[in-house]
Each structure stands twice: as structure tokens, then as C-alpha cells.
Amino acid sequence: MLDQQFRDLMAGVCAPVAVITTADDDGPHGATVSSLASLSLRPALLSIALDYRSALLERILATGRFGVNVLNSMQSDVATTFATRDADRFGSAPWSASNALPRLDDVAGWAACELAQTVEAGDHLLLIGAVTTAASTPRAPLVYAHRTFGTHSNFATRTRPAIIDYISACAS
């Protein structure tokens, strides 16, 4: 009973939607997550959580690096594609390599990370990434709440300063 109550509780919390990527000898790999969070400014750290059954998790643990593609408010189709098993994920989403990681086109934000630490967390593994590169755009981010995609209307209408400006200002 608590499982459903917890799911319902968390469904009401707006979460950012990101596609986590990595690459190895078999090519690019990626999956949609809504468990992205900033963790620290100095050093720049973020966290994601992946199910232990995730094929992407195995590849990130092997490569020691991952990309974070924060989707823009018009990319719900990309989120769905990367959340679908056995989909031709990179065949339908334009991308290029950045920092030797798959970077999707037109995202609201991007970060390249080195795997800094892992933490066992129930049926997921929490991955802490040391951010080596970060970029953002004025595009409104895609969010997930009440089991649907959308964006916050204020985010959709205002301009956003680049995250790198904040990081640079705080690092000085």
C-alpha cells in the first residue's frame, strides 16, 4: 500500500527531464531520467539515479563518464523515445559528440561528468558526477509532474542566463 502512496506523492513533484548518455566501443547509449539534482557548487557535482537493471548503468560504471542532456519543453518525444526499451534512440534524435559523449541537439542544458561516487539507494544506484563541462540555453526545460510532460509557464516566457555564468561568477 505504501508503494502506491509514495508513487502518488512523487507524481505531484515537478522533476526535470534529462537524457543521460554515454558511449563505448558499441556506440552511443542513453536513457531518460527524472532523478537529476544539483549537489554541490564547489566542486560542481550533480546526481542521477539509475535502476540496477539498467543497461545504461552497466555502461556508465564501465566508462566512468556520462552526459546529462536537460531536455527543452518541446522535446517530450525525445524523452519518450529514450524511455522506451528497444527503440532506435539515437536514430531518431539528432545528436553529436561533445567531450566524447553523445550530446542531443537543441537541449535546454548539457553537462559532461566524470563518475565521482556511487551510493546504493534501494532498487537504484545513485551516481554522483563531477561536472567537467556545463552549458545552458534560454530554452525552457521539460518537466514531468502528475505523470505528464510540461513546463512551468514562467520558465517558458522568461529568458534564462547561462548556468556557466553562475558557475564562473561563484568560482571567482
N, C-alpha and C. Protein backbone atom coordinates (compact mmCIF):
# COMPACT_ATOMS: atom_id res chain seq x y z
N MET A 1 0.82 -1.20 0.00
CA MET A 1 0.00 0.00 0.00
C MET A 1 0.87 1.25 0.00
N LEU A 2 1.95 1.28 0.77
CA LEU A 2 2.81 2.45 0.81
C LEU A 2 3.45 2.71 -0.55
N ASP A 3 3.72 1.65 -1.33
CA ASP A 3 4.31 1.83 -2.66
C ASP A 3 3.46 2.78 -3.50
N GLN A 4 2.16 2.54 -3.57
CA GLN A 4 1.29 3.37 -4.40
C GLN A 4 1.17 4.78 -3.82
N GLN A 5 1.10 4.88 -2.50
CA GLN A 5 1.01 6.21 -1.88
C GLN A 5 2.28 7.02 -2.17
N PHE A 6 3.41 6.36 -2.11
CA PHE A 6 4.68 7.04 -2.39
C PHE A 6 4.74 7.46 -3.86
N ARG A 7 4.32 6.58 -4.76
CA ARG A 7 4.28 6.93 -6.19
C ARG A 7 3.38 8.13 -6.43
N ASP A 8 2.21 8.14 -5.81
CA ASP A 8 1.28 9.26 -5.97
C ASP A 8 1.88 10.55 -5.41
N LEU A 9 2.54 10.46 -4.27
CA LEU A 9 3.19 11.63 -3.69
C LEU A 9 4.22 12.20 -4.65
N MET A 10 5.10 11.34 -5.15
CA MET A 10 6.18 11.81 -6.02
C MET A 10 5.67 12.25 -7.39
N ALA A 11 4.53 11.74 -7.81
CA ALA A 11 3.95 12.18 -9.09
C ALA A 11 3.57 13.65 -9.04
N GLY A 12 3.31 14.17 -7.86
CA GLY A 12 2.94 15.57 -7.71
C GLY A 12 4.13 16.51 -7.61
N VAL A 13 5.34 15.97 -7.64
CA VAL A 13 6.54 16.78 -7.54
C VAL A 13 7.11 17.00 -8.94
N CYS A 14 7.25 18.25 -9.35
CA CYS A 14 7.85 18.54 -10.66
C CYS A 14 9.30 18.07 -10.67
N ALA A 15 9.65 17.35 -11.70
CA ALA A 15 11.02 16.84 -11.83
C ALA A 15 11.57 17.21 -13.20
N PRO A 16 12.85 17.56 -13.26
CA PRO A 16 13.45 17.84 -14.56
C PRO A 16 13.53 16.55 -15.37
N VAL A 17 13.46 16.68 -16.68
CA VAL A 17 13.57 15.52 -17.56
C VAL A 17 14.88 15.63 -18.31
N ALA A 18 15.71 14.60 -18.19
CA ALA A 18 17.01 14.59 -18.84
C ALA A 18 17.25 13.24 -19.50
N VAL A 19 18.04 13.26 -20.54
CA VAL A 19 18.52 12.02 -21.15
C VAL A 19 19.98 11.89 -20.75
N ILE A 20 20.29 10.80 -20.08
CA ILE A 20 21.65 10.51 -19.65
C ILE A 20 22.30 9.67 -20.74
N THR A 21 23.52 10.03 -21.12
CA THR A 21 24.19 9.33 -22.22
C THR A 21 25.60 8.92 -21.84
N THR A 22 26.09 7.94 -22.56
CA THR A 22 27.49 7.57 -22.51
C THR A 22 27.81 6.91 -23.85
N ALA A 23 29.07 6.61 -24.06
CA ALA A 23 29.48 5.94 -25.30
C ALA A 23 30.62 4.98 -24.98
N ASP A 24 30.63 3.88 -25.72
CA ASP A 24 31.71 2.91 -25.61
C ASP A 24 31.97 2.33 -26.99
N ASP A 25 32.68 1.22 -27.06
CA ASP A 25 33.00 0.61 -28.35
C ASP A 25 31.77 0.17 -29.12
N ASP A 26 30.65 -0.04 -28.43
CA ASP A 26 29.40 -0.44 -29.09
C ASP A 26 28.59 0.75 -29.57
N GLY A 27 29.07 1.97 -29.34
CA GLY A 27 28.37 3.16 -29.81
C GLY A 27 27.76 3.97 -28.69
N PRO A 28 26.79 4.84 -29.05
CA PRO A 28 26.15 5.69 -28.04
C PRO A 28 25.04 4.95 -27.30
N HIS A 29 24.83 5.34 -26.06
CA HIS A 29 23.79 4.74 -25.23
C HIS A 29 23.13 5.85 -24.42
N GLY A 30 21.83 5.69 -24.15
CA GLY A 30 21.15 6.73 -23.38
C GLY A 30 19.82 6.26 -22.82
N ALA A 31 19.35 6.98 -21.82
CA ALA A 31 18.05 6.69 -21.20
C ALA A 31 17.52 7.96 -20.55
N THR A 32 16.19 8.05 -20.50
CA THR A 32 15.51 9.18 -19.86
C THR A 32 15.47 8.99 -18.35
N VAL A 33 15.74 10.07 -17.62
CA VAL A 33 15.62 10.06 -16.16
C VAL A 33 14.89 11.32 -15.70
N SER A 34 14.29 11.23 -14.54
CA SER A 34 13.71 12.42 -13.91
C SER A 34 14.29 12.56 -12.50
N SER A 35 15.44 11.95 -12.30
CA SER A 35 16.06 11.96 -10.97
C SER A 35 17.35 12.77 -10.96
N LEU A 36 17.38 13.85 -11.70
CA LEU A 36 18.55 14.72 -11.79
C LEU A 36 18.48 15.79 -10.70
N ALA A 37 19.61 15.99 -10.01
CA ALA A 37 19.65 17.04 -8.98
C ALA A 37 21.05 17.63 -8.89
N SER A 38 21.11 18.93 -8.62
CA SER A 38 22.41 19.55 -8.33
C SER A 38 22.78 19.15 -6.91
N LEU A 39 24.06 18.99 -6.67
CA LEU A 39 24.51 18.50 -5.38
C LEU A 39 25.46 19.48 -4.70
N SER A 40 26.38 20.05 -5.48
CA SER A 40 27.40 20.92 -4.91
C SER A 40 27.86 21.90 -5.98
N LEU A 41 28.21 23.10 -5.55
CA LEU A 41 28.76 24.09 -6.47
C LEU A 41 30.28 23.99 -6.52
N ARG A 42 30.91 23.80 -5.35
CA ARG A 42 32.36 23.69 -5.27
C ARG A 42 32.75 22.43 -4.53
N PRO A 43 33.12 21.38 -5.17
CA PRO A 43 33.21 21.26 -6.62
C PRO A 43 31.83 21.08 -7.24
N ALA A 44 31.74 21.31 -8.53
CA ALA A 44 30.47 21.16 -9.25
C ALA A 44 30.13 19.68 -9.33
N LEU A 45 29.06 19.29 -8.61
CA LEU A 45 28.61 17.90 -8.58
C LEU A 45 27.12 17.85 -8.84
N LEU A 46 26.69 16.80 -9.53
CA LEU A 46 25.26 16.54 -9.70
C LEU A 46 25.01 15.07 -9.46
N SER A 47 23.74 14.72 -9.28
CA SER A 47 23.41 13.31 -9.05
C SER A 47 22.29 12.87 -9.97
N ILE A 48 22.34 11.61 -10.33
CA ILE A 48 21.27 10.94 -11.06
C ILE A 48 21.08 9.59 -10.39
N ALA A 49 19.94 8.97 -10.61
CA ALA A 49 19.69 7.64 -10.07
C ALA A 49 19.26 6.73 -11.21
N LEU A 50 19.87 5.55 -11.28
CA LEU A 50 19.51 4.57 -12.30
C LEU A 50 19.17 3.25 -11.62
N ASP A 51 18.15 2.59 -12.14
CA ASP A 51 17.73 1.27 -11.67
C ASP A 51 18.89 0.29 -11.86
N TYR A 52 19.06 -0.61 -10.91
CA TYR A 52 20.12 -1.60 -11.01
C TYR A 52 20.00 -2.45 -12.28
N ARG A 53 18.79 -2.59 -12.83
CA ARG A 53 18.59 -3.40 -14.03
C ARG A 53 18.92 -2.66 -15.32
N SER A 54 19.27 -1.40 -15.22
CA SER A 54 19.52 -0.57 -16.39
C SER A 54 20.80 -0.98 -17.12
N ALA A 55 20.67 -1.19 -18.42
CA ALA A 55 21.85 -1.48 -19.24
C ALA A 55 22.77 -0.26 -19.28
N LEU A 56 22.18 0.92 -19.23
CA LEU A 56 22.99 2.15 -19.23
C LEU A 56 23.87 2.22 -17.99
N LEU A 57 23.35 1.79 -16.86
CA LEU A 57 24.12 1.81 -15.62
C LEU A 57 25.41 1.01 -15.78
N GLU A 58 25.31 -0.18 -16.33
CA GLU A 58 26.50 -1.01 -16.54
C GLU A 58 27.53 -0.29 -17.40
N ARG A 59 27.07 0.39 -18.43
CA ARG A 59 27.98 1.08 -19.35
C ARG A 59 28.64 2.30 -18.69
N ILE A 60 27.88 3.03 -17.89
CA ILE A 60 28.46 4.18 -17.19
C ILE A 60 29.50 3.71 -16.17
N LEU A 61 29.19 2.65 -15.45
CA LEU A 61 30.16 2.12 -14.49
C LEU A 61 31.43 1.67 -15.20
N ALA A 62 31.29 1.13 -16.40
CA ALA A 62 32.46 0.67 -17.17
C ALA A 62 33.27 1.84 -17.74
N THR A 63 32.59 2.88 -18.23
CA THR A 63 33.30 4.00 -18.86
C THR A 63 33.73 5.06 -17.85
N GLY A 64 33.00 5.17 -16.75
CA GLY A 64 33.34 6.17 -15.74
C GLY A 64 32.95 7.59 -16.11
N ARG A 65 32.05 7.73 -17.09
CA ARG A 65 31.65 9.08 -17.50
C ARG A 65 30.23 9.05 -18.07
N PHE A 66 29.57 10.20 -18.02
CA PHE A 66 28.23 10.29 -18.59
C PHE A 66 27.90 11.74 -18.94
N GLY A 67 26.97 11.88 -19.88
CA GLY A 67 26.48 13.19 -20.29
C GLY A 67 25.07 13.38 -19.77
N VAL A 68 24.74 14.62 -19.45
CA VAL A 68 23.40 14.97 -18.98
C VAL A 68 22.81 15.95 -19.98
N ASN A 69 21.77 15.52 -20.67
CA ASN A 69 21.06 16.34 -21.64
C ASN A 69 19.74 16.77 -21.02
N VAL A 70 19.66 18.01 -20.54
CA VAL A 70 18.43 18.53 -19.95
C VAL A 70 17.52 18.92 -21.12
N LEU A 71 16.42 18.20 -21.27
CA LEU A 71 15.56 18.40 -22.43
C LEU A 71 14.82 19.72 -22.36
N ASN A 72 14.54 20.28 -23.54
CA ASN A 72 13.75 21.52 -23.58
C ASN A 72 12.27 21.17 -23.62
N SER A 73 11.43 22.15 -23.39
CA SER A 73 9.99 21.92 -23.23
C SER A 73 9.31 21.34 -24.45
N MET A 74 9.97 21.36 -25.60
CA MET A 74 9.38 20.82 -26.82
C MET A 74 9.92 19.42 -27.15
N GLN A 75 10.65 18.80 -26.24
CA GLN A 75 11.29 17.51 -26.51
C GLN A 75 10.66 16.33 -25.78
N SER A 76 9.36 16.37 -25.53
CA SER A 76 8.72 15.23 -24.87
C SER A 76 8.82 13.98 -25.72
N ASP A 77 8.85 14.12 -27.05
CA ASP A 77 9.02 12.96 -27.93
C ASP A 77 10.39 12.31 -27.72
N VAL A 78 11.41 13.11 -27.50
CA VAL A 78 12.75 12.59 -27.23
C VAL A 78 12.75 11.86 -25.89
N ALA A 79 12.10 12.44 -24.89
CA ALA A 79 12.00 11.79 -23.57
C ALA A 79 11.33 10.43 -23.69
N THR A 80 10.26 10.36 -24.47
CA THR A 80 9.53 9.10 -24.65
C THR A 80 10.39 8.08 -25.39
N THR A 81 11.07 8.52 -26.44
CA THR A 81 11.93 7.61 -27.20
C THR A 81 13.00 6.99 -26.32
N PHE A 82 13.67 7.82 -25.51
CA PHE A 82 14.76 7.31 -24.68
C PHE A 82 14.26 6.56 -23.44
N ALA A 83 12.95 6.61 -23.19
CA ALA A 83 12.36 5.84 -22.10
C ALA A 83 11.82 4.50 -22.58
N THR A 84 11.80 4.30 -23.89
CA THR A 84 11.23 3.09 -24.48
C THR A 84 12.33 2.06 -24.72
N ARG A 85 12.11 0.86 -24.22
CA ARG A 85 13.09 -0.21 -24.44
C ARG A 85 13.10 -0.61 -25.91
N ASP A 86 14.26 -0.96 -26.38
CA ASP A 86 14.46 -1.46 -27.75
C ASP A 86 14.15 -0.44 -28.83
N ALA A 87 14.04 0.83 -28.49
CA ALA A 87 13.81 1.86 -29.51
C ALA A 87 15.15 2.22 -30.15
N ASP A 88 15.09 2.69 -31.40
CA ASP A 88 16.29 3.20 -32.06
C ASP A 88 16.48 4.63 -31.55
N ARG A 89 17.01 4.74 -30.37
CA ARG A 89 17.07 6.02 -29.67
C ARG A 89 17.87 7.07 -30.42
N PHE A 90 19.06 6.74 -30.83
CA PHE A 90 19.90 7.74 -31.47
C PHE A 90 19.62 7.89 -32.96
N GLY A 91 18.83 6.98 -33.53
CA GLY A 91 18.44 7.09 -34.93
C GLY A 91 17.38 8.14 -35.16
N SER A 92 16.60 8.44 -34.13
CA SER A 92 15.50 9.40 -34.29
C SER A 92 15.76 10.74 -33.61
N ALA A 93 16.82 10.85 -32.85
CA ALA A 93 17.13 12.11 -32.15
C ALA A 93 18.47 12.64 -32.65
N PRO A 94 18.48 13.80 -33.27
CA PRO A 94 19.75 14.36 -33.75
C PRO A 94 20.72 14.60 -32.59
N TRP A 95 21.99 14.26 -32.81
CA TRP A 95 22.98 14.40 -31.76
C TRP A 95 24.37 14.54 -32.38
N SER A 96 25.32 14.91 -31.56
CA SER A 96 26.72 14.96 -31.96
C SER A 96 27.55 14.61 -30.74
N ALA A 97 28.82 14.35 -30.96
CA ALA A 97 29.71 14.04 -29.85
C ALA A 97 30.24 15.34 -29.25
N SER A 98 30.24 15.39 -27.93
CA SER A 98 30.80 16.52 -27.20
C SER A 98 31.51 15.96 -25.98
N ASN A 99 32.78 16.25 -25.83
CA ASN A 99 33.57 15.66 -24.75
C ASN A 99 33.53 14.14 -24.81
N ALA A 100 33.50 13.59 -26.03
CA ALA A 100 33.44 12.14 -26.28
C ALA A 100 32.17 11.50 -25.74
N LEU A 101 31.12 12.30 -25.56
CA LEU A 101 29.82 11.80 -25.09
C LEU A 101 28.72 12.25 -26.04
N PRO A 102 27.65 11.47 -26.17
CA PRO A 102 26.54 11.88 -27.02
C PRO A 102 25.80 13.09 -26.42
N ARG A 103 25.72 14.15 -27.22
CA ARG A 103 25.01 15.38 -26.82
C ARG A 103 23.86 15.60 -27.79
N LEU A 104 22.65 15.57 -27.28
CA LEU A 104 21.47 15.74 -28.12
C LEU A 104 21.35 17.20 -28.57
N ASP A 105 20.84 17.40 -29.78
CA ASP A 105 20.65 18.74 -30.32
C ASP A 105 19.50 19.45 -29.61
N ASP A 106 19.61 20.75 -29.51
CA ASP A 106 18.53 21.64 -29.05
C ASP A 106 18.10 21.44 -27.60
N VAL A 107 18.95 20.88 -26.77
CA VAL A 107 18.59 20.69 -25.37
C VAL A 107 18.64 22.03 -24.62
N ALA A 108 17.96 22.08 -23.49
CA ALA A 108 17.99 23.29 -22.65
C ALA A 108 19.30 23.43 -21.91
N GLY A 109 19.94 22.30 -21.63
CA GLY A 109 21.21 22.32 -20.92
C GLY A 109 21.99 21.04 -21.14
N TRP A 110 23.28 21.12 -20.88
CA TRP A 110 24.18 19.99 -21.12
C TRP A 110 25.27 19.99 -20.06
N ALA A 111 25.64 18.81 -19.60
CA ALA A 111 26.79 18.67 -18.72
C ALA A 111 27.51 17.38 -19.06
N ALA A 112 28.82 17.44 -19.06
CA ALA A 112 29.66 16.25 -19.17
C ALA A 112 30.19 15.97 -17.77
N CYS A 113 30.13 14.70 -17.36
CA CYS A 113 30.51 14.34 -15.99
C CYS A 113 31.46 13.16 -15.95
N GLU A 114 32.35 13.19 -15.00
CA GLU A 114 33.16 12.03 -14.62
C GLU A 114 32.49 11.42 -13.40
N LEU A 115 32.36 10.11 -13.39
CA LEU A 115 31.73 9.44 -12.26
C LEU A 115 32.63 9.59 -11.03
N ALA A 116 32.13 10.28 -10.01
CA ALA A 116 32.92 10.56 -8.82
C ALA A 116 32.64 9.58 -7.69
N GLN A 117 31.38 9.13 -7.59
CA GLN A 117 30.99 8.27 -6.46
C GLN A 117 29.67 7.59 -6.78
N THR A 118 29.45 6.45 -6.17
CA THR A 118 28.15 5.78 -6.26
C THR A 118 27.64 5.51 -4.84
N VAL A 119 26.32 5.52 -4.70
CA VAL A 119 25.70 5.26 -3.41
C VAL A 119 24.54 4.30 -3.64
N GLU A 120 24.53 3.18 -2.93
CA GLU A 120 23.41 2.25 -3.03
C GLU A 120 22.18 2.90 -2.41
N ALA A 121 21.07 2.85 -3.14
CA ALA A 121 19.85 3.50 -2.68
C ALA A 121 18.65 2.66 -3.08
N GLY A 122 18.31 1.67 -2.28
CA GLY A 122 17.17 0.80 -2.57
C GLY A 122 17.36 0.06 -3.87
N ASP A 123 16.39 0.20 -4.80
CA ASP A 123 16.47 -0.51 -6.08
C ASP A 123 17.21 0.29 -7.14
N HIS A 124 17.82 1.41 -6.74
CA HIS A 124 18.58 2.26 -7.65
C HIS A 124 20.00 2.47 -7.13
N LEU A 125 20.87 2.87 -8.03
CA LEU A 125 22.21 3.29 -7.66
C LEU A 125 22.28 4.78 -7.94
N LEU A 126 22.65 5.54 -6.92
CA LEU A 126 22.82 6.98 -7.07
C LEU A 126 24.22 7.22 -7.62
N LEU A 127 24.29 7.93 -8.73
CA LEU A 127 25.57 8.25 -9.36
C LEU A 127 25.86 9.73 -9.12
N ILE A 128 27.01 10.01 -8.57
CA ILE A 128 27.42 11.39 -8.36
C ILE A 128 28.46 11.71 -9.43
N GLY A 129 28.16 12.73 -10.21
CA GLY A 129 29.03 13.12 -11.31
C GLY A 129 29.75 14.42 -11.02
N ALA A 130 31.06 14.42 -11.26
CA ALA A 130 31.85 15.65 -11.20
C ALA A 130 31.71 16.32 -12.56
N VAL A 131 31.13 17.50 -12.58
CA VAL A 131 30.86 18.20 -13.84
C VAL A 131 32.16 18.77 -14.39
N THR A 132 32.49 18.37 -15.62
CA THR A 132 33.70 18.87 -16.27
C THR A 132 33.38 19.94 -17.31
N THR A 133 32.16 19.93 -17.83
CA THR A 133 31.70 20.91 -18.80
C THR A 133 30.22 21.15 -18.56
N ALA A 134 29.79 22.40 -18.64
CA ALA A 134 28.37 22.72 -18.48
C ALA A 134 27.99 23.82 -19.46
N ALA A 135 26.79 23.71 -19.99
CA ALA A 135 26.27 24.74 -20.90
C ALA A 135 24.75 24.78 -20.77
N SER A 136 24.19 25.95 -20.95
CA SER A 136 22.73 26.07 -20.93
C SER A 136 22.30 27.05 -22.01
N THR A 137 21.02 27.02 -22.31
CA THR A 137 20.44 27.90 -23.32
C THR A 137 19.22 28.59 -22.71
N PRO A 138 18.65 29.56 -23.41
CA PRO A 138 17.43 30.19 -22.90
C PRO A 138 16.18 29.33 -23.05
N ARG A 139 16.30 28.14 -23.66
CA ARG A 139 15.12 27.29 -23.86
C ARG A 139 14.53 26.86 -22.52
N ALA A 140 13.22 26.84 -22.44
CA ALA A 140 12.54 26.38 -21.23
C ALA A 140 12.77 24.88 -21.06
N PRO A 141 12.98 24.41 -19.83
CA PRO A 141 13.22 22.99 -19.61
C PRO A 141 11.92 22.19 -19.60
N LEU A 142 12.04 20.92 -19.96
CA LEU A 142 10.92 19.98 -19.87
C LEU A 142 10.85 19.47 -18.44
N VAL A 143 9.65 19.43 -17.88
CA VAL A 143 9.46 18.87 -16.55
C VAL A 143 8.40 17.77 -16.62
N TYR A 144 8.40 16.94 -15.59
CA TYR A 144 7.46 15.83 -15.51
C TYR A 144 6.75 15.92 -14.16
N ALA A 145 5.43 15.98 -14.19
CA ALA A 145 4.63 16.01 -12.96
C ALA A 145 3.25 15.47 -13.26
N HIS A 146 2.65 14.84 -12.28
CA HIS A 146 1.32 14.24 -12.44
C HIS A 146 1.27 13.33 -13.67
N ARG A 147 2.40 12.63 -13.88
CA ARG A 147 2.53 11.64 -14.95
C ARG A 147 2.33 12.22 -16.35
N THR A 148 2.75 13.48 -16.51
CA THR A 148 2.68 14.11 -17.83
C THR A 148 3.84 15.09 -17.98
N PHE A 149 4.20 15.35 -19.24
CA PHE A 149 5.26 16.30 -19.53
C PHE A 149 4.69 17.71 -19.65
N GLY A 150 5.50 18.69 -19.34
CA GLY A 150 5.10 20.08 -19.49
C GLY A 150 6.26 20.99 -19.16
N THR A 151 5.93 22.23 -18.87
CA THR A 151 6.93 23.18 -18.39
C THR A 151 6.21 24.20 -17.52
N HIS A 152 6.92 24.85 -16.67
CA HIS A 152 6.35 25.89 -15.82
C HIS A 152 6.18 27.13 -16.69
N SER A 153 5.01 27.73 -16.69
CA SER A 153 4.73 28.83 -17.61
C SER A 153 5.70 30.00 -17.44
N ASN A 154 6.13 30.31 -16.22
CA ASN A 154 7.09 31.40 -16.05
C ASN A 154 8.43 31.07 -16.70
N PHE A 155 8.83 29.79 -16.66
CA PHE A 155 10.06 29.39 -17.33
C PHE A 155 9.91 29.51 -18.83
N ALA A 156 8.73 29.24 -19.32
CA ALA A 156 8.51 29.25 -20.76
C ALA A 156 8.58 30.65 -21.35
N THR A 157 8.34 31.68 -20.54
CA THR A 157 8.26 33.03 -21.09
C THR A 157 9.42 33.94 -20.72
N ARG A 158 10.28 33.53 -19.81
CA ARG A 158 11.38 34.41 -19.43
C ARG A 158 12.70 33.91 -20.02
N THR A 159 13.66 34.81 -20.15
CA THR A 159 14.98 34.40 -20.61
C THR A 159 15.77 33.90 -19.42
N ARG A 160 16.66 32.99 -19.69
CA ARG A 160 17.47 32.36 -18.65
C ARG A 160 18.93 32.67 -18.87
N PRO A 161 19.64 33.17 -17.87
CA PRO A 161 21.08 33.33 -18.04
C PRO A 161 21.74 31.96 -18.09
N ALA A 162 22.85 31.89 -18.76
CA ALA A 162 23.56 30.62 -18.89
C ALA A 162 24.09 30.17 -17.53
N ILE A 163 23.97 28.87 -17.25
CA ILE A 163 24.45 28.32 -15.97
C ILE A 163 25.95 28.53 -15.82
N ILE A 164 26.65 28.52 -16.93
CA ILE A 164 28.10 28.70 -16.86
C ILE A 164 28.44 30.08 -16.30
N ASP A 165 27.57 31.09 -16.54
CA ASP A 165 27.78 32.42 -15.97
C ASP A 165 27.73 32.37 -14.45
N TYR A 166 26.79 31.59 -13.90
CA TYR A 166 26.69 31.44 -12.46
C TYR A 166 27.90 30.71 -11.89
N ILE A 167 28.29 29.64 -12.56
CA ILE A 167 29.43 28.85 -12.08
C ILE A 167 30.69 29.71 -12.12
N SER A 168 30.90 30.44 -13.21
CA SER A 168 32.08 31.29 -13.33
C SER A 168 32.09 32.38 -12.27
N ALA A 169 30.94 32.98 -12.01
CA ALA A 169 30.85 34.06 -11.02
C ALA A 169 31.16 33.53 -9.62
N CYS A 170 30.68 32.35 -9.32
CA CYS A 170 30.89 31.78 -7.98
C CYS A 170 32.31 31.26 -7.80
N ALA A 171 32.95 30.88 -8.89
CA ALA A 171 34.30 30.33 -8.80
C ALA A 171 35.34 31.43 -8.62
N SER A 172 34.97 32.68 -8.95
CA SER A 172 35.95 33.77 -8.84
C SER A 172 36.11 34.24 -7.42
